[in-house]
Amino acid sequence: MRGKKRAQRAKKRAQGRAARQRSAPPTKGAKRQKSASSGQPKKKKRRSKAEPVLPGQLVFAEARIQDGRHWLRPDAVVVLLVKFLLAVYATKYGMKLHGLVLMSTHYHLLFTDVRG
């Protein structure tokens, strides 16, 4: 009797698994695409949701270059261009800049949003 019940439970579990696999979206369980540069599986990109910024609020922003390319190299021309563009947009959107860290693949920016 025990063996029969055990077999029935195993059969039910297998049917449940098969049903879940059929109803799953096509990307579920699929192998991740490999990165062209390193051959490693691509990581899933996480994006944070935008939050409202209040007037006078301190904001820490960071961004990275797509695919980790070294476009922000520590070249005098690149640094000057980034500083110029940052000054233009800080004036345009009412930001008080406190700090900037510029690296070849990403940057960190600390500012106060005056207008909100």
PDB file of N, CA and C in Angstrom:
ATOM      1  N   MET A   1       0.817  -1.189   0.000  1.00  0.00           N
ATOM      2  CA  MET A   1       0.000   0.000   0.000  1.00  0.00           C
ATOM      3  C   MET A   1       0.865   1.258   0.000  1.00  0.00           C
ATOM      4  N   ARG A   2       1.917   1.240   0.842  1.00  0.00           N
ATOM      5  CA  ARG A   2       2.782   2.413   0.914  1.00  0.00           C
ATOM      6  C   ARG A   2       3.455   2.713  -0.415  1.00  0.00           C
ATOM      7  N   GLY A   3       3.927   1.698  -1.056  1.00  0.00           N
ATOM      8  CA  GLY A   3       4.617   1.876  -2.332  1.00  0.00           C
ATOM      9  C   GLY A   3       3.704   2.464  -3.391  1.00  0.00           C
ATOM     10  N   LYS A   4       2.436   2.052  -3.367  1.00  0.00           N
ATOM     11  CA  LYS A   4       1.465   2.548  -4.337  1.00  0.00           C
ATOM     12  C   LYS A   4       1.201   4.043  -4.118  1.00  0.00           C
ATOM     13  N   LYS A   5       1.029   4.454  -2.845  1.00  0.00           N
ATOM     14  CA  LYS A   5       0.788   5.868  -2.539  1.00  0.00           C
ATOM     15  C   LYS A   5       2.003   6.719  -2.908  1.00  0.00           C
ATOM     16  N   ARG A   6       3.164   6.178  -2.596  1.00  0.00           N
ATOM     17  CA  ARG A   6       4.396   6.900  -2.920  1.00  0.00           C
ATOM     18  C   ARG A   6       4.509   7.111  -4.427  1.00  0.00           C
ATOM     19  N   ALA A   7       4.169   6.097  -5.190  1.00  0.00           N
ATOM     20  CA  ALA A   7       4.221   6.197  -6.651  1.00  0.00           C
ATOM     21  C   ALA A   7       3.207   7.220  -7.162  1.00  0.00           C
ATOM     22  N   GLN A   8       2.015   7.245  -6.538  1.00  0.00           N
ATOM     23  CA  GLN A   8       0.993   8.218  -6.944  1.00  0.00           C
ATOM     24  C   GLN A   8       1.458   9.652  -6.654  1.00  0.00           C
ATOM     25  N   ARG A   9       2.063   9.860  -5.472  1.00  0.00           N
ATOM     26  CA  ARG A   9       2.561  11.201  -5.131  1.00  0.00           C
ATOM     27  C   ARG A   9       3.656  11.639  -6.099  1.00  0.00           C
ATOM     28  N   ALA A  10       4.542  10.723  -6.434  1.00  0.00           N
ATOM     29  CA  ALA A  10       5.623  11.041  -7.372  1.00  0.00           C
ATOM     30  C   ALA A  10       5.053  11.402  -8.741  1.00  0.00           C
ATOM     31  N   LYS A  11       4.023  10.674  -9.159  1.00  0.00           N
ATOM     32  CA  LYS A  11       3.387  10.947 -10.450  1.00  0.00           C
ATOM     33  C   LYS A  11       2.737  12.330 -10.442  1.00  0.00           C
ATOM     34  N   LYS A  12       2.054  12.689  -9.323  1.00  0.00           N
ATOM     35  CA  LYS A  12       1.424  14.004  -9.200  1.00  0.00           C
ATOM     36  C   LYS A  12       2.468  15.120  -9.267  1.00  0.00           C
ATOM     37  N   ARG A  13       3.584  14.918  -8.553  1.00  0.00           N
ATOM     38  CA  ARG A  13       4.654  15.929  -8.569  1.00  0.00           C
ATOM     39  C   ARG A  13       5.196  16.125  -9.977  1.00  0.00           C
ATOM     40  N   ALA A  14       5.386  15.027 -10.688  1.00  0.00           N
ATOM     41  CA  ALA A  14       5.903  15.107 -12.057  1.00  0.00           C
ATOM     42  C   ALA A  14       4.917  15.833 -12.969  1.00  0.00           C
ATOM     43  N   GLN A  15       3.622  15.561 -12.791  1.00  0.00           N
ATOM     44  CA  GLN A  15       2.604  16.242 -13.601  1.00  0.00           C
ATOM     45  C   GLN A  15       2.580  17.739 -13.285  1.00  0.00           C
ATOM     46  N   GLY A  16       2.703  18.072 -12.000  1.00  0.00           N
ATOM     47  CA  GLY A  16       2.725  19.477 -11.594  1.00  0.00           C
ATOM     48  C   GLY A  16       3.916  20.211 -12.193  1.00  0.00           C
ATOM     49  N   ARG A  17       5.086  19.564 -12.161  1.00  0.00           N
ATOM     50  CA  ARG A  17       6.288  20.163 -12.759  1.00  0.00           C
ATOM     51  C   ARG A  17       6.107  20.380 -14.250  1.00  0.00           C
ATOM     52  N   ALA A  18       5.547  19.381 -14.919  1.00  0.00           N
ATOM     53  CA  ALA A  18       5.335  19.486 -16.367  1.00  0.00           C
ATOM     54  C   ALA A  18       4.367  20.620 -16.686  1.00  0.00           C
ATOM     55  N   ALA A  19       3.318  20.768 -15.882  1.00  0.00           N
ATOM     56  CA  ALA A  19       2.340  21.840 -16.108  1.00  0.00           C
ATOM     57  C   ALA A  19       2.981  23.207 -15.893  1.00  0.00           C
ATOM     58  N   ARG A  20       3.812  23.323 -14.858  1.00  0.00           N
ATOM     59  CA  ARG A  20       4.485  24.609 -14.600  1.00  0.00           C
ATOM     60  C   ARG A  20       5.433  24.961 -15.735  1.00  0.00           C
ATOM     61  N   GLN A  21       6.122  23.965 -16.276  1.00  0.00           N
ATOM     62  CA  GLN A  21       7.050  24.229 -17.372  1.00  0.00           C
ATOM     63  C   GLN A  21       6.316  24.660 -18.630  1.00  0.00           C
ATOM     64  N   ARG A  22       5.143  24.081 -18.873  1.00  0.00           N
ATOM     65  CA  ARG A  22       4.369  24.467 -20.052  1.00  0.00           C
ATOM     66  C   ARG A  22       3.849  25.891 -19.926  1.00  0.00           C
ATOM     67  N   SER A  23       3.453  26.299 -18.713  1.00  0.00           N
ATOM     68  CA  SER A  23       2.872  27.628 -18.535  1.00  0.00           C
ATOM     69  C   SER A  23       3.927  28.709 -18.329  1.00  0.00           C
ATOM     70  N   ALA A  24       5.179  28.337 -18.196  1.00  0.00           N
ATOM     71  CA  ALA A  24       6.242  29.320 -17.960  1.00  0.00           C
ATOM     72  C   ALA A  24       6.491  30.133 -19.221  1.00  0.00           C
ATOM     73  N   PRO A  25       6.902  31.398 -19.065  1.00  0.00           N
ATOM     74  CA  PRO A  25       7.236  32.198 -20.238  1.00  0.00           C
ATOM     75  C   PRO A  25       8.412  31.575 -20.984  1.00  0.00           C
ATOM     76  N   PRO A  26       8.530  31.839 -22.270  1.00  0.00           N
ATOM     77  CA  PRO A  26       9.565  31.183 -23.065  1.00  0.00           C
ATOM     78  C   PRO A  26      10.982  31.471 -22.590  1.00  0.00           C
ATOM     79  N   THR A  27      11.221  32.622 -21.945  1.00  0.00           N
ATOM     80  CA  THR A  27      12.581  32.928 -21.510  1.00  0.00           C
ATOM     81  C   THR A  27      12.931  32.234 -20.208  1.00  0.00           C
ATOM     82  N   LYS A  28      11.937  31.753 -19.487  1.00  0.00           N
ATOM     83  CA  LYS A  28      12.188  31.116 -18.198  1.00  0.00           C
ATOM     84  C   LYS A  28      12.956  29.820 -18.412  1.00  0.00           C
ATOM     85  N   GLY A  29      14.025  29.671 -17.697  1.00  0.00           N
ATOM     86  CA  GLY A  29      14.807  28.453 -17.789  1.00  0.00           C
ATOM     87  C   GLY A  29      15.745  28.414 -18.982  1.00  0.00           C
ATOM     88  N   ALA A  30      15.670  29.420 -19.843  1.00  0.00           N
ATOM     89  CA  ALA A  30      16.558  29.445 -21.001  1.00  0.00           C
ATOM     90  C   ALA A  30      17.958  29.821 -20.543  1.00  0.00           C
ATOM     91  N   LYS A  31      18.941  29.371 -21.285  1.00  0.00           N
ATOM     92  CA  LYS A  31      20.315  29.708 -20.937  1.00  0.00           C
ATOM     93  C   LYS A  31      20.561  31.185 -21.194  1.00  0.00           C
ATOM     94  N   ARG A  32      21.376  31.790 -20.335  1.00  0.00           N
ATOM     95  CA  ARG A  32      21.721  33.193 -20.528  1.00  0.00           C
ATOM     96  C   ARG A  32      22.629  33.331 -21.737  1.00  0.00           C
ATOM     97  N   GLN A  33      22.488  34.472 -22.416  1.00  0.00           N
ATOM     98  CA  GLN A  33      23.375  34.738 -23.537  1.00  0.00           C
ATOM     99  C   GLN A  33      24.766  35.019 -22.997  1.00  0.00           C
ATOM    100  N   LYS A  34      25.761  34.662 -23.764  1.00  0.00           N
ATOM    101  CA  LYS A  34      27.125  34.915 -23.326  1.00  0.00           C
ATOM    102  C   LYS A  34      27.598  36.248 -23.862  1.00  0.00           C
ATOM    103  N   SER A  35      28.377  36.927 -23.058  1.00  0.00           N
ATOM    104  CA  SER A  35      28.950  38.204 -23.445  1.00  0.00           C
ATOM    105  C   SER A  35      29.970  37.966 -24.548  1.00  0.00           C
ATOM    106  N   ALA A  36      29.987  38.853 -25.530  1.00  0.00           N
ATOM    107  CA  ALA A  36      30.907  38.694 -26.656  1.00  0.00           C
ATOM    108  C   ALA A  36      32.350  38.895 -26.213  1.00  0.00           C
ATOM    109  N   SER A  37      32.576  39.784 -25.249  1.00  0.00           N
ATOM    110  CA  SER A  37      33.948  40.116 -24.874  1.00  0.00           C
ATOM    111  C   SER A  37      34.582  39.075 -23.957  1.00  0.00           C
ATOM    112  N   SER A  38      33.851  38.594 -22.953  1.00  0.00           N
ATOM    113  CA  SER A  38      34.478  37.714 -21.973  1.00  0.00           C
ATOM    114  C   SER A  38      34.044  36.255 -22.078  1.00  0.00           C
ATOM    115  N   GLY A  39      32.958  35.985 -22.777  1.00  0.00           N
ATOM    116  CA  GLY A  39      32.470  34.621 -22.875  1.00  0.00           C
ATOM    117  C   GLY A  39      31.683  34.184 -21.643  1.00  0.00           C
ATOM    118  N   GLN A  40      31.580  35.055 -20.639  1.00  0.00           N
ATOM    119  CA  GLN A  40      30.827  34.763 -19.424  1.00  0.00           C
ATOM    120  C   GLN A  40      29.346  35.057 -19.657  1.00  0.00           C
ATOM    121  N   PRO A  41      28.457  34.394 -18.922  1.00  0.00           N
ATOM    122  CA  PRO A  41      27.028  34.712 -19.062  1.00  0.00           C
ATOM    123  C   PRO A  41      26.765  36.156 -18.667  1.00  0.00           C
ATOM    124  N   LYS A  42      25.859  36.801 -19.406  1.00  0.00           N
ATOM    125  CA  LYS A  42      25.520  38.190 -19.101  1.00  0.00           C
ATOM    126  C   LYS A  42      24.734  38.248 -17.805  1.00  0.00           C
ATOM    127  N   LYS A  43      25.013  39.261 -17.006  1.00  0.00           N
ATOM    128  CA  LYS A  43      24.265  39.459 -15.772  1.00  0.00           C
ATOM    129  C   LYS A  43      22.974  40.184 -16.094  1.00  0.00           C
ATOM    130  N   LYS A  44      21.947  39.899 -15.321  1.00  0.00           N
ATOM    131  CA  LYS A  44      20.682  40.584 -15.497  1.00  0.00           C
ATOM    132  C   LYS A  44      20.845  42.014 -15.008  1.00  0.00           C
ATOM    133  N   LYS A  45      20.381  42.973 -15.794  1.00  0.00           N
ATOM    134  CA  LYS A  45      20.546  44.370 -15.429  1.00  0.00           C
ATOM    135  C   LYS A  45      19.476  44.774 -14.433  1.00  0.00           C
ATOM    136  N   ARG A  46      19.932  45.406 -13.364  1.00  0.00           N
ATOM    137  CA  ARG A  46      19.000  45.917 -12.373  1.00  0.00           C
ATOM    138  C   ARG A  46      18.922  47.418 -12.528  1.00  0.00           C
ATOM    139  N   ARG A  47      17.731  47.946 -12.565  1.00  0.00           N
ATOM    140  CA  ARG A  47      17.551  49.388 -12.646  1.00  0.00           C
ATOM    141  C   ARG A  47      16.736  49.825 -11.451  1.00  0.00           C
ATOM    142  N   SER A  48      17.208  50.865 -10.816  1.00  0.00           N
ATOM    143  CA  SER A  48      16.443  51.377  -9.687  1.00  0.00           C
ATOM    144  C   SER A  48      15.358  52.312 -10.201  1.00  0.00           C
ATOM    145  N   LYS A  49      14.276  52.382  -9.460  1.00  0.00           N
ATOM    146  CA  LYS A  49      13.172  53.244  -9.859  1.00  0.00           C
ATOM    147  C   LYS A  49      13.498  54.687  -9.497  1.00  0.00           C
ATOM    148  N   ALA A  50      13.062  55.604 -10.331  1.00  0.00           N
ATOM    149  CA  ALA A  50      13.275  57.020 -10.062  1.00  0.00           C
ATOM    150  C   ALA A  50      12.408  57.449  -8.882  1.00  0.00           C
ATOM    151  N   GLU A  51      12.982  58.235  -8.012  1.00  0.00           N
ATOM    152  CA  GLU A  51      12.257  58.742  -6.854  1.00  0.00           C
ATOM    153  C   GLU A  51      12.159  60.253  -6.963  1.00  0.00           C
ATOM    154  N   PRO A  52      11.101  60.852  -6.411  1.00  0.00           N
ATOM    155  CA  PRO A  52      10.995  62.313  -6.460  1.00  0.00           C
ATOM    156  C   PRO A  52      12.095  62.959  -5.619  1.00  0.00           C
ATOM    157  N   VAL A  53      12.615  64.074  -6.095  1.00  0.00           N
ATOM    158  CA  VAL A  53      13.662  64.804  -5.384  1.00  0.00           C
ATOM    159  C   VAL A  53      13.059  66.107  -4.883  1.00  0.00           C
ATOM    160  N   LEU A  54      13.201  66.359  -3.601  1.00  0.00           N
ATOM    161  CA  LEU A  54      12.657  67.567  -2.985  1.00  0.00           C
ATOM    162  C   LEU A  54      13.664  68.709  -3.085  1.00  0.00           C
ATOM    163  N   PRO A  55      13.204  69.956  -3.076  1.00  0.00           N
ATOM    164  CA  PRO A  55      14.134  71.089  -3.113  1.00  0.00           C
ATOM    165  C   PRO A  55      15.102  71.032  -1.928  1.00  0.00           C
ATOM    166  N   GLY A  56      16.376  71.220  -2.207  1.00  0.00           N
ATOM    167  CA  GLY A  56      17.400  71.205  -1.168  1.00  0.00           C
ATOM    168  C   GLY A  56      17.867  69.820  -0.761  1.00  0.00           C
ATOM    169  N   GLN A  57      17.392  68.795  -1.430  1.00  0.00           N
ATOM    170  CA  GLN A  57      17.758  67.422  -1.081  1.00  0.00           C
ATOM    171  C   GLN A  57      19.124  67.073  -1.650  1.00  0.00           C
ATOM    172  N   LEU A  58      19.938  66.400  -0.841  1.00  0.00           N
ATOM    173  CA  LEU A  58      21.247  65.926  -1.270  1.00  0.00           C
ATOM    174  C   LEU A  58      21.052  64.645  -2.079  1.00  0.00           C
ATOM    175  N   VAL A  59      21.694  64.569  -3.237  1.00  0.00           N
ATOM    176  CA  VAL A  59      21.511  63.428  -4.137  1.00  0.00           C
ATOM    177  C   VAL A  59      22.872  62.829  -4.477  1.00  0.00           C
ATOM    178  N   PHE A  60      22.958  61.506  -4.415  1.00  0.00           N
ATOM    179  CA  PHE A  60      24.148  60.785  -4.854  1.00  0.00           C
ATOM    180  C   PHE A  60      23.766  60.026  -6.117  1.00  0.00           C
ATOM    181  N   ALA A  61      24.420  60.347  -7.212  1.00  0.00           N
ATOM    182  CA  ALA A  61      24.114  59.694  -8.489  1.00  0.00           C
ATOM    183  C   ALA A  61      25.348  58.957  -8.980  1.00  0.00           C
ATOM    184  N   GLU A  62      25.106  57.848  -9.629  1.00  0.00           N
ATOM    185  CA  GLU A  62      26.206  57.106 -10.236  1.00  0.00           C
ATOM    186  C   GLU A  62      25.700  56.466 -11.516  1.00  0.00           C
ATOM    187  N   ALA A  63      26.588  56.328 -12.457  1.00  0.00           N
ATOM    188  CA  ALA A  63      26.237  55.685 -13.726  1.00  0.00           C
ATOM    189  C   ALA A  63      27.490  55.044 -14.289  1.00  0.00           C
ATOM    190  N   ARG A  64      27.270  54.021 -15.086  1.00  0.00           N
ATOM    191  CA  ARG A  64      28.425  53.364 -15.700  1.00  0.00           C
ATOM    192  C   ARG A  64      28.246  53.321 -17.205  1.00  0.00           C
ATOM    193  N   ILE A  65      29.355  53.175 -17.880  1.00  0.00           N
ATOM    194  CA  ILE A  65      29.359  53.107 -19.335  1.00  0.00           C
ATOM    195  C   ILE A  65      28.865  51.721 -19.750  1.00  0.00           C
ATOM    196  N   GLN A  66      28.081  51.679 -20.806  1.00  0.00           N
ATOM    197  CA  GLN A  66      27.525  50.420 -21.296  1.00  0.00           C
ATOM    198  C   GLN A  66      28.636  49.429 -21.621  1.00  0.00           C
ATOM    199  N   ASP A  67      28.454  48.201 -21.195  1.00  0.00           N
ATOM    200  CA  ASP A  67      29.385  47.088 -21.418  1.00  0.00           C
ATOM    201  C   ASP A  67      30.756  47.320 -20.803  1.00  0.00           C
ATOM    202  N   GLY A  68      30.868  48.250 -19.865  1.00  0.00           N
ATOM    203  CA  GLY A  68      32.137  48.487 -19.175  1.00  0.00           C
ATOM    204  C   GLY A  68      33.246  49.006 -20.072  1.00  0.00           C
ATOM    205  N   ARG A  69      32.883  49.673 -21.137  1.00  0.00           N
ATOM    206  CA  ARG A  69      33.907  50.221 -22.039  1.00  0.00           C
ATOM    207  C   ARG A  69      34.625  51.384 -21.369  1.00  0.00           C
ATOM    208  N   HIS A  70      35.859  51.604 -21.712  1.00  0.00           N
ATOM    209  CA  HIS A  70      36.692  52.640 -21.089  1.00  0.00           C
ATOM    210  C   HIS A  70      36.617  53.943 -21.879  1.00  0.00           C
ATOM    211  N   TRP A  71      35.442  54.555 -21.919  1.00  0.00           N
ATOM    212  CA  TRP A  71      35.271  55.787 -22.684  1.00  0.00           C
ATOM    213  C   TRP A  71      35.655  57.027 -21.893  1.00  0.00           C
ATOM    214  N   LEU A  72      35.606  56.956 -20.575  1.00  0.00           N
ATOM    215  CA  LEU A  72      35.951  58.113 -19.752  1.00  0.00           C
ATOM    216  C   LEU A  72      37.406  58.012 -19.291  1.00  0.00           C
ATOM    217  N   ARG A  73      38.284  57.782 -20.208  1.00  0.00           N
ATOM    218  CA  ARG A  73      39.695  57.617 -19.861  1.00  0.00           C
ATOM    219  C   ARG A  73      40.227  58.915 -19.238  1.00  0.00           C
ATOM    220  N   PRO A  74      41.237  58.835 -18.395  1.00  0.00           N
ATOM    221  CA  PRO A  74      41.748  60.032 -17.716  1.00  0.00           C
ATOM    222  C   PRO A  74      42.589  60.913 -18.644  1.00  0.00           C
ATOM    223  N   ASP A  75      41.986  61.319 -19.701  1.00  0.00           N
ATOM    224  CA  ASP A  75      42.618  62.179 -20.692  1.00  0.00           C
ATOM    225  C   ASP A  75      42.194  63.616 -20.373  1.00  0.00           C
ATOM    226  N   ALA A  76      43.082  64.595 -20.524  1.00  0.00           N
ATOM    227  CA  ALA A  76      42.775  65.988 -20.179  1.00  0.00           C
ATOM    228  C   ALA A  76      41.561  66.504 -20.956  1.00  0.00           C
ATOM    229  N   VAL A  77      41.448  66.138 -22.220  1.00  0.00           N
ATOM    230  CA  VAL A  77      40.332  66.602 -23.048  1.00  0.00           C
ATOM    231  C   VAL A  77      39.006  66.013 -22.548  1.00  0.00           C
ATOM    232  N   VAL A  78      38.991  64.732 -22.226  1.00  0.00           N
ATOM    233  CA  VAL A  78      37.777  64.073 -21.742  1.00  0.00           C
ATOM    234  C   VAL A  78      37.341  64.676 -20.406  1.00  0.00           C
ATOM    235  N   VAL A  79      38.290  64.868 -19.496  1.00  0.00           N
ATOM    236  CA  VAL A  79      37.973  65.443 -18.185  1.00  0.00           C
ATOM    237  C   VAL A  79      37.424  66.851 -18.344  1.00  0.00           C
ATOM    238  N   LEU A  80      38.049  67.655 -19.197  1.00  0.00           N
ATOM    239  CA  LEU A  80      37.589  69.026 -19.436  1.00  0.00           C
ATOM    240  C   LEU A  80      36.176  69.031 -20.031  1.00  0.00           C
ATOM    241  N   LEU A  81      35.913  68.142 -20.970  1.00  0.00           N
ATOM    242  CA  LEU A  81      34.594  68.050 -21.597  1.00  0.00           C
ATOM    243  C   LEU A  81      33.516  67.664 -20.576  1.00  0.00           C
ATOM    244  N   VAL A  82      33.803  66.678 -19.733  1.00  0.00           N
ATOM    245  CA  VAL A  82      32.837  66.250 -18.720  1.00  0.00           C
ATOM    246  C   VAL A  82      32.562  67.382 -17.735  1.00  0.00           C
ATOM    247  N   LYS A  83      33.614  68.069 -17.299  1.00  0.00           N
ATOM    248  CA  LYS A  83      33.428  69.191 -16.368  1.00  0.00           C
ATOM    249  C   LYS A  83      32.606  70.304 -17.009  1.00  0.00           C
ATOM    250  N   PHE A  84      32.870  70.593 -18.269  1.00  0.00           N
ATOM    251  CA  PHE A  84      32.123  71.639 -18.973  1.00  0.00           C
ATOM    252  C   PHE A  84      30.643  71.273 -19.069  1.00  0.00           C
ATOM    253  N   LEU A  85      30.363  70.053 -19.522  1.00  0.00           N
ATOM    254  CA  LEU A  85      28.969  69.619 -19.662  1.00  0.00           C
ATOM    255  C   LEU A  85      28.257  69.577 -18.312  1.00  0.00           C
ATOM    256  N   LEU A  86      28.969  69.162 -17.287  1.00  0.00           N
ATOM    257  CA  LEU A  86      28.391  69.130 -15.950  1.00  0.00           C
ATOM    258  C   LEU A  86      28.048  70.538 -15.471  1.00  0.00           C
ATOM    259  N   ALA A  87      28.920  71.502 -15.741  1.00  0.00           N
ATOM    260  CA  ALA A  87      28.654  72.894 -15.357  1.00  0.00           C
ATOM    261  C   ALA A  87      27.445  73.450 -16.111  1.00  0.00           C
ATOM    262  N   VAL A  88      27.353  73.147 -17.396  1.00  0.00           N
ATOM    263  CA  VAL A  88      26.226  73.628 -18.204  1.00  0.00           C
ATOM    264  C   VAL A  88      24.906  73.085 -17.663  1.00  0.00           C
ATOM    265  N   TYR A  89      24.842  71.769 -17.440  1.00  0.00           N
ATOM    266  CA  TYR A  89      23.590  71.161 -16.990  1.00  0.00           C
ATOM    267  C   TYR A  89      23.283  71.470 -15.522  1.00  0.00           C
ATOM    268  N   ALA A  90      24.306  71.671 -14.707  1.00  0.00           N
ATOM    269  CA  ALA A  90      24.068  72.064 -13.310  1.00  0.00           C
ATOM    270  C   ALA A  90      23.428  73.441 -13.263  1.00  0.00           C
ATOM    271  N   THR A  91      23.879  74.338 -14.123  1.00  0.00           N
ATOM    272  CA  THR A  91      23.285  75.670 -14.196  1.00  0.00           C
ATOM    273  C   THR A  91      21.864  75.592 -14.741  1.00  0.00           C
ATOM    274  N   LYS A  92      21.678  74.812 -15.780  1.00  0.00           N
ATOM    275  CA  LYS A  92      20.369  74.707 -16.422  1.00  0.00           C
ATOM    276  C   LYS A  92      19.308  74.126 -15.483  1.00  0.00           C
ATOM    277  N   TYR A  93      19.666  73.097 -14.711  1.00  0.00           N
ATOM    278  CA  TYR A  93      18.691  72.399 -13.876  1.00  0.00           C
ATOM    279  C   TYR A  93      18.772  72.755 -12.393  1.00  0.00           C
ATOM    280  N   GLY A  94      19.571  73.733 -12.023  1.00  0.00           N
ATOM    281  CA  GLY A  94      19.632  74.201 -10.643  1.00  0.00           C
ATOM    282  C   GLY A  94      20.231  73.200  -9.672  1.00  0.00           C
ATOM    283  N   MET A  95      21.446  72.746  -9.962  1.00  0.00           N
ATOM    284  CA  MET A  95      22.126  71.807  -9.078  1.00  0.00           C
ATOM    285  C   MET A  95      23.344  72.491  -8.469  1.00  0.00           C
ATOM    286  N   LYS A  96      23.575  72.229  -7.194  1.00  0.00           N
ATOM    287  CA  LYS A  96      24.778  72.721  -6.528  1.00  0.00           C
ATOM    288  C   LYS A  96      25.703  71.517  -6.374  1.00  0.00           C
ATOM    289  N   LEU A  97      26.810  71.508  -7.097  1.00  0.00           N
ATOM    290  CA  LEU A  97      27.703  70.351  -7.124  1.00  0.00           C
ATOM    291  C   LEU A  97      28.604  70.325  -5.895  1.00  0.00           C
ATOM    292  N   HIS A  98      28.750  69.144  -5.298  1.00  0.00           N
ATOM    293  CA  HIS A  98      29.625  68.970  -4.139  1.00  0.00           C
ATOM    294  C   HIS A  98      30.840  68.121  -4.492  1.00  0.00           C
ATOM    295  N   GLY A  99      30.665  67.147  -5.352  1.00  0.00           N
ATOM    296  CA  GLY A  99      31.785  66.277  -5.671  1.00  0.00           C
ATOM    297  C   GLY A  99      31.535  65.455  -6.919  1.00  0.00           C
ATOM    298  N   LEU A 100      32.636  65.141  -7.585  1.00  0.00           N
ATOM    299  CA  LEU A 100      32.590  64.307  -8.785  1.00  0.00           C
ATOM    300  C   LEU A 100      33.787  63.378  -8.758  1.00  0.00           C
ATOM    301  N   VAL A 101      33.540  62.108  -8.956  1.00  0.00           N
ATOM    302  CA  VAL A 101      34.616  61.133  -9.118  1.00  0.00           C
ATOM    303  C   VAL A 101      34.413  60.523 -10.490  1.00  0.00           C
ATOM    304  N   LEU A 102      35.387  60.716 -11.354  1.00  0.00           N
ATOM    305  CA  LEU A 102      35.289  60.266 -12.738  1.00  0.00           C
ATOM    306  C   LEU A 102      36.308  59.158 -12.969  1.00  0.00           C
ATOM    307  N   MET A 103      35.817  57.972 -13.313  1.00  0.00           N
ATOM    308  CA  MET A 103      36.694  56.853 -13.621  1.00  0.00           C
ATOM    309  C   MET A 103      36.467  56.429 -15.065  1.00  0.00           C
ATOM    310  N   SER A 104      37.293  55.547 -15.564  1.00  0.00           N
ATOM    311  CA  SER A 104      37.224  55.220 -16.991  1.00  0.00           C
ATOM    312  C   SER A 104      35.924  54.523 -17.383  1.00  0.00           C
ATOM    313  N   THR A 105      35.283  53.809 -16.461  1.00  0.00           N
ATOM    314  CA  THR A 105      34.069  53.065 -16.804  1.00  0.00           C
ATOM    315  C   THR A 105      32.810  53.583 -16.128  1.00  0.00           C
ATOM    316  N   HIS A 106      32.941  54.489 -15.152  1.00  0.00           N
ATOM    317  CA  HIS A 106      31.761  55.006 -14.464  1.00  0.00           C
ATOM    318  C   HIS A 106      32.094  56.290 -13.718  1.00  0.00           C
ATOM    319  N   TYR A 107      31.037  56.925 -13.175  1.00  0.00           N
ATOM    320  CA  TYR A 107      31.255  58.127 -12.368  1.00  0.00           C
ATOM    321  C   TYR A 107      30.332  58.133 -11.162  1.00  0.00           C
ATOM    322  N   HIS A 108      30.717  58.933 -10.166  1.00  0.00           N
ATOM    323  CA  HIS A 108      29.907  59.172  -8.977  1.00  0.00           C
ATOM    324  C   HIS A 108      29.752  60.681  -8.863  1.00  0.00           C
ATOM    325  N   LEU A 109      28.554  61.133  -8.536  1.00  0.00           N
ATOM    326  CA  LEU A 109      28.264  62.562  -8.483  1.00  0.00           C
ATOM    327  C   LEU A 109      27.447  62.850  -7.229  1.00  0.00           C
ATOM    328  N   LEU A 110      27.877  63.862  -6.465  1.00  0.00           N
ATOM    329  CA  LEU A 110      27.166  64.276  -5.264  1.00  0.00           C
ATOM    330  C   LEU A 110      26.738  65.720  -5.456  1.00  0.00           C
ATOM    331  N   PHE A 111      25.433  65.976  -5.364  1.00  0.00           N
ATOM    332  CA  PHE A 111      24.935  67.331  -5.581  1.00  0.00           C
ATOM    333  C   PHE A 111      23.674  67.578  -4.773  1.00  0.00           C
ATOM    334  N   THR A 112      23.349  68.864  -4.628  1.00  0.00           N
ATOM    335  CA  THR A 112      22.096  69.270  -3.998  1.00  0.00           C
ATOM    336  C   THR A 112      21.205  69.820  -5.086  1.00  0.00           C
ATOM    337  N   ASP A 113      19.979  69.340  -5.120  1.00  0.00           N
ATOM    338  CA  ASP A 113      19.019  69.839  -6.097  1.00  0.00           C
ATOM    339  C   ASP A 113      18.331  71.052  -5.479  1.00  0.00           C
ATOM    340  N   VAL A 114      18.644  72.237  -5.975  1.00  0.00           N
ATOM    341  CA  VAL A 114      18.134  73.473  -5.399  1.00  0.00           C
ATOM    342  C   VAL A 114      16.642  73.631  -5.670  1.00  0.00           C
ATOM    343  N   ARG A 115      16.208  73.313  -6.872  1.00  0.00           N
ATOM    344  CA  ARG A 115      14.804  73.508  -7.265  1.00  0.00           C
ATOM    345  C   ARG A 115      13.886  72.348  -6.901  1.00  0.00           C
ATOM    346  N   GLY A 116      14.425  71.168  -6.882  1.00  0.00           N
ATOM    347  CA  GLY A 116      13.606  69.987  -6.577  1.00  0.00           C
ATOM    348  C   GLY A 116      12.992  69.349  -7.778  1.00  0.00           C
TER     349      GLY A 116
END
